[in-house]
Amino acid sequence: MCALVVPTFPGSLTRSIEDMMPLDDFLAYCMILFIATITPGPNMLLATNHGVNYGLSRTVYSGLGNLAGNLLLALVSILGLGAVLMASGVVFNAIKWIGVLYLMFVGVRMVFGPVSRDISKDESPQDSFGKRGYELFADGFVIAIGNPKGILFFSALFPQFIRTSHATVGSFLIIFIALGIIGFGCYMLYAVFGARLNVLLKMHAYRRMFNRITGSVLIGTGLAIAFSKR
């Protein structure tokens, strides 16, 4: 008679998670991250627009930039520098206005910039109107770090789950890997939606209209951040 084998998590992974937080807390942490990340905002609007205009493979560049920006915000928060930055009005406003200006710059470029040629395949490595990979990366990175309230979010989130007196380097890595997987995954999910939406926007006029709408929303978001209080 055959014995039933029940699959389990590797012991080292379970112990590493348990060193930082109970497994149910880890799952709650992942759920909060997922909800906060999947909610539509400037990052996801950018992902959708890039998916429409550049295809899925090239949107990976802006996805990696967005990932790097979010990990940087998380690192600043977890090192305790977030409170210092938030306490400094000069630094806070500098980050805020850099983000606002870049967000509006990207929006204006979408509204008035050239419209890409028809993309026959989403996976084509050819950029349809000359935008390079590092420019796409910069779009994702700057928009991710441009709203300093992201630091406030991470600064409020991490203390709810991290026991710094018991956590190990490996445990922190697990937390950051979870953040990276969820953040990048949600970004690329919107990019997939944009790449599929491109099938419906083959006509030049429709794609131009889409760019104007998304660009206007980004400009409006930039203005909202500019006039928002801390």
Protein backbone atom coordinates (compact mmCIF):
# COMPACT_ATOMS: atom_id res chain seq x y z
CA MET A 1 0.00 0.00 0.00
CA CYS A 2 1.49 3.31 -1.08
CA ALA A 3 2.00 6.05 1.45
CA LEU A 4 0.61 9.49 0.66
CA VAL A 5 3.38 12.05 0.29
CA VAL A 6 2.43 15.60 1.26
CA PRO A 7 4.62 18.29 -0.33
CA THR A 8 6.11 20.81 2.07
CA PHE A 9 8.10 24.01 1.80
CA PRO A 10 11.88 23.64 2.08
CA GLY A 11 12.84 23.81 5.74
CA SER A 12 15.35 26.62 5.26
CA LEU A 13 12.76 28.81 3.50
CA THR A 14 10.14 28.20 6.19
CA ARG A 15 12.62 28.87 8.99
CA SER A 16 13.85 32.03 7.27
CA ILE A 17 10.32 33.38 6.95
CA GLU A 18 9.48 32.37 10.51
CA ASP A 19 12.64 34.13 11.76
CA MET A 20 11.12 37.39 10.62
CA MET A 21 7.39 36.80 11.00
CA PRO A 22 4.86 34.00 11.26
CA LEU A 23 3.87 32.56 7.91
CA ASP A 24 0.36 34.00 8.12
CA ASP A 25 1.86 37.45 8.69
CA PHE A 26 4.10 36.95 5.68
CA LEU A 27 1.08 36.09 3.56
CA ALA A 28 -0.74 39.16 4.91
CA TYR A 29 2.31 41.28 4.01
CA CYS A 30 2.24 39.90 0.45
CA MET A 31 -1.50 40.55 0.18
CA ILE A 32 -1.11 44.19 1.31
CA LEU A 33 1.69 44.68 -1.20
CA PHE A 34 -0.38 43.13 -3.97
CA ILE A 35 -3.44 45.30 -3.27
CA ALA A 36 -1.34 48.48 -3.01
CA THR A 37 0.58 47.65 -6.20
CA ILE A 38 -2.24 46.41 -8.42
CA THR A 39 -4.34 49.50 -7.68
CA PRO A 40 -4.25 51.77 -10.76
CA GLY A 41 -1.91 54.75 -10.47
CA PRO A 42 0.86 56.52 -12.41
CA ASN A 43 3.11 53.44 -12.45
CA MET A 44 0.46 51.17 -13.87
CA LEU A 45 -0.75 53.81 -16.33
CA LEU A 46 2.82 54.07 -17.60
CA ALA A 47 3.01 50.27 -17.91
CA THR A 48 -0.20 50.19 -19.95
CA ASN A 49 0.95 53.01 -22.22
CA HIS A 50 4.33 51.40 -22.80
CA GLY A 51 2.64 48.08 -23.52
CA VAL A 52 0.50 49.76 -26.19
CA ASN A 53 3.31 51.73 -27.81
CA TYR A 54 6.39 49.52 -27.41
CA GLY A 55 5.14 45.98 -26.95
CA LEU A 56 5.67 43.63 -24.05
CA SER A 57 9.38 42.89 -24.45
CA ARG A 58 10.45 46.55 -24.44
CA THR A 59 8.17 47.41 -21.53
CA VAL A 60 10.40 45.12 -19.47
CA TYR A 61 12.91 48.01 -19.43
CA SER A 62 10.51 50.39 -17.71
CA GLY A 63 9.37 47.52 -15.49
CA LEU A 64 12.93 47.01 -14.30
CA GLY A 65 13.26 50.76 -13.72
CA ASN A 66 10.06 50.74 -11.70
CA LEU A 67 11.32 47.74 -9.73
CA ALA A 68 14.63 49.48 -8.97
CA GLY A 69 12.80 52.61 -7.82
CA ASN A 70 10.48 50.71 -5.49
CA LEU A 71 13.33 48.68 -4.01
CA LEU A 72 15.26 51.90 -3.41
CA LEU A 73 12.30 53.44 -1.57
CA ALA A 74 11.94 50.27 0.49
CA LEU A 75 15.65 50.22 1.33
CA VAL A 76 15.58 53.88 2.41
CA SER A 77 12.58 53.14 4.61
CA ILE A 78 13.97 49.98 6.19
CA LEU A 79 17.27 51.66 7.02
CA GLY A 80 15.38 54.31 8.95
CA LEU A 81 16.32 57.06 6.51
CA GLY A 82 12.69 57.52 5.53
CA ALA A 83 11.90 59.32 8.78
CA VAL A 84 14.90 61.59 8.27
CA LEU A 85 13.84 62.46 4.73
CA MET A 86 10.25 63.07 5.78
CA ALA A 87 11.41 65.33 8.63
CA SER A 88 13.42 67.45 6.20
CA GLY A 89 11.07 69.78 4.38
CA VAL A 90 13.75 70.70 1.85
CA VAL A 91 14.55 67.10 0.89
CA PHE A 92 10.88 66.09 0.86
CA ASN A 93 9.91 68.98 -1.42
CA ALA A 94 12.92 68.40 -3.68
CA ILE A 95 11.94 64.76 -4.24
CA LYS A 96 8.31 65.77 -4.64
CA TRP A 97 8.97 68.44 -7.27
CA ILE A 98 11.42 66.28 -9.22
CA GLY A 99 8.72 63.64 -9.39
CA VAL A 100 6.02 66.15 -10.32
CA LEU A 101 8.08 67.70 -13.10
CA TYR A 102 9.12 64.36 -14.57
CA LEU A 103 5.57 63.00 -14.35
CA MET A 104 4.26 66.03 -16.22
CA PHE A 105 7.14 65.81 -18.70
CA VAL A 106 6.22 62.21 -19.52
CA GLY A 107 2.55 63.22 -19.78
CA VAL A 108 3.26 66.12 -22.13
CA ARG A 109 5.46 63.87 -24.25
CA MET A 110 2.61 61.38 -24.54
CA VAL A 111 0.12 64.08 -25.52
CA PHE A 112 2.26 65.92 -28.07
CA GLY A 113 4.88 63.33 -29.03
CA PRO A 114 4.93 61.24 -32.20
CA VAL A 115 2.72 58.19 -32.37
CA SER A 116 4.38 54.83 -32.95
CA ARG A 117 3.99 52.95 -36.19
CA ASP A 118 1.85 49.84 -36.19
CA ILE A 119 3.54 47.06 -34.22
CA SER A 120 3.03 43.75 -35.92
CA LYS A 121 4.30 41.68 -32.99
CA ASP A 122 4.32 42.55 -29.31
CA GLU A 123 7.70 40.91 -28.87
CA SER A 124 9.46 42.90 -31.56
CA PRO A 125 12.76 44.27 -30.23
CA GLN A 126 12.55 47.28 -32.52
CA ASP A 127 11.47 50.53 -30.89
CA SER A 128 8.90 52.08 -33.16
CA PHE A 129 10.02 55.68 -32.77
CA GLY A 130 13.55 55.62 -31.46
CA LYS A 131 13.12 55.45 -27.68
CA ARG A 132 16.01 53.54 -26.18
CA GLY A 133 15.95 51.00 -23.39
CA TYR A 134 17.63 53.29 -20.86
CA GLU A 135 14.99 55.96 -21.53
CA LEU A 136 12.22 53.48 -20.81
CA PHE A 137 14.11 52.41 -17.67
CA ALA A 138 14.39 56.05 -16.57
CA ASP A 139 10.64 56.56 -17.05
CA GLY A 140 9.85 53.66 -14.74
CA PHE A 141 12.52 54.56 -12.18
CA VAL A 142 11.84 58.28 -11.81
CA ILE A 143 8.06 57.87 -11.66
CA ALA A 144 8.49 55.19 -8.98
CA ILE A 145 10.68 57.34 -6.73
CA GLY A 146 9.10 60.66 -7.72
CA ASN A 147 6.30 60.48 -5.16
CA PRO A 148 7.94 60.62 -1.71
CA LYS A 149 4.74 59.32 -0.15
CA GLY A 150 5.96 55.91 -1.27
CA ILE A 151 8.53 56.20 1.50
CA LEU A 152 5.72 56.91 3.95
CA PHE A 153 3.93 53.77 2.79
CA PHE A 154 6.95 51.52 3.29
CA SER A 155 7.86 53.24 6.56
CA ALA A 156 4.37 52.46 7.86
CA LEU A 157 4.26 48.93 6.40
CA PHE A 158 7.55 47.37 7.47
CA PRO A 159 7.31 47.95 11.25
CA GLN A 160 4.01 46.05 11.24
CA PHE A 161 5.77 42.87 10.12
CA ILE A 162 9.53 43.11 10.65
CA ARG A 163 11.07 42.16 13.99
CA THR A 164 14.44 43.81 13.44
CA SER A 165 15.90 42.39 16.67
CA HIS A 166 15.48 38.81 15.37
CA ALA A 167 15.57 39.21 11.59
CA THR A 168 18.56 37.97 9.61
CA VAL A 169 20.02 39.18 6.33
CA GLY A 170 18.36 36.22 4.61
CA SER A 171 15.01 37.20 6.08
CA PHE A 172 15.33 40.74 4.79
CA LEU A 173 16.20 39.33 1.39
CA ILE A 174 13.00 37.31 1.41
CA ILE A 175 10.99 40.46 2.17
CA PHE A 176 12.68 42.36 -0.66
CA ILE A 177 12.35 39.45 -3.09
CA ALA A 178 8.62 39.28 -2.32
CA LEU A 179 8.35 43.02 -2.93
CA GLY A 180 10.24 42.69 -6.20
CA ILE A 181 8.21 39.77 -7.51
CA ILE A 182 4.87 41.34 -6.63
CA GLY A 183 5.80 44.82 -7.88
CA PHE A 184 7.34 43.67 -11.14
CA GLY A 185 4.60 41.10 -11.70
CA CYS A 186 1.80 43.67 -11.30
CA TYR A 187 3.62 46.14 -13.55
CA MET A 188 4.02 43.56 -16.29
CA LEU A 189 0.40 42.46 -15.87
CA TYR A 190 -0.66 45.98 -16.87
CA ALA A 191 1.91 45.85 -19.69
CA VAL A 192 0.29 42.64 -20.98
CA PHE A 193 -3.07 44.42 -20.92
CA GLY A 194 -1.54 47.30 -22.90
CA ALA A 195 0.07 44.95 -25.41
CA ARG A 196 -3.26 43.21 -25.95
CA LEU A 197 -5.03 46.56 -26.15
CA ASN A 198 -2.66 47.43 -28.98
CA VAL A 199 -4.60 44.98 -31.16
CA LEU A 200 -7.62 47.28 -30.80
CA LEU A 201 -5.57 50.41 -31.42
CA LYS A 202 -3.95 49.51 -34.72
CA MET A 203 -5.25 52.66 -36.36
CA HIS A 204 -2.96 55.66 -35.95
CA ALA A 205 -5.80 57.94 -34.80
CA TYR A 206 -6.90 55.58 -32.03
CA ARG A 207 -3.38 55.21 -30.69
CA ARG A 208 -2.93 58.97 -30.70
CA MET A 209 -6.19 59.38 -28.78
CA PHE A 210 -5.06 56.77 -26.23
CA ASN A 211 -1.72 58.55 -25.75
CA ARG A 212 -3.48 61.87 -25.25
CA ILE A 213 -5.81 60.39 -22.64
CA THR A 214 -3.07 58.65 -20.67
CA GLY A 215 -0.77 61.66 -20.98
CA SER A 216 -3.50 63.97 -19.69
CA VAL A 217 -4.10 61.69 -16.70
CA LEU A 218 -0.39 61.73 -15.86
CA ILE A 219 -0.32 65.53 -16.10
CA GLY A 220 -3.38 65.72 -13.85
CA THR A 221 -1.74 63.34 -11.37
CA GLY A 222 1.38 65.49 -11.34
CA LEU A 223 -0.70 68.58 -10.60
CA ALA A 224 -2.55 66.71 -7.84
CA ILE A 225 0.75 65.72 -6.20
CA ALA A 226 2.05 69.28 -6.59
CA PHE A 227 -0.88 70.79 -4.71
CA SER A 228 -1.25 67.99 -2.17
CA LYS A 229 -0.22 68.45 1.42
CA ARG A 230 2.15 66.11 3.15
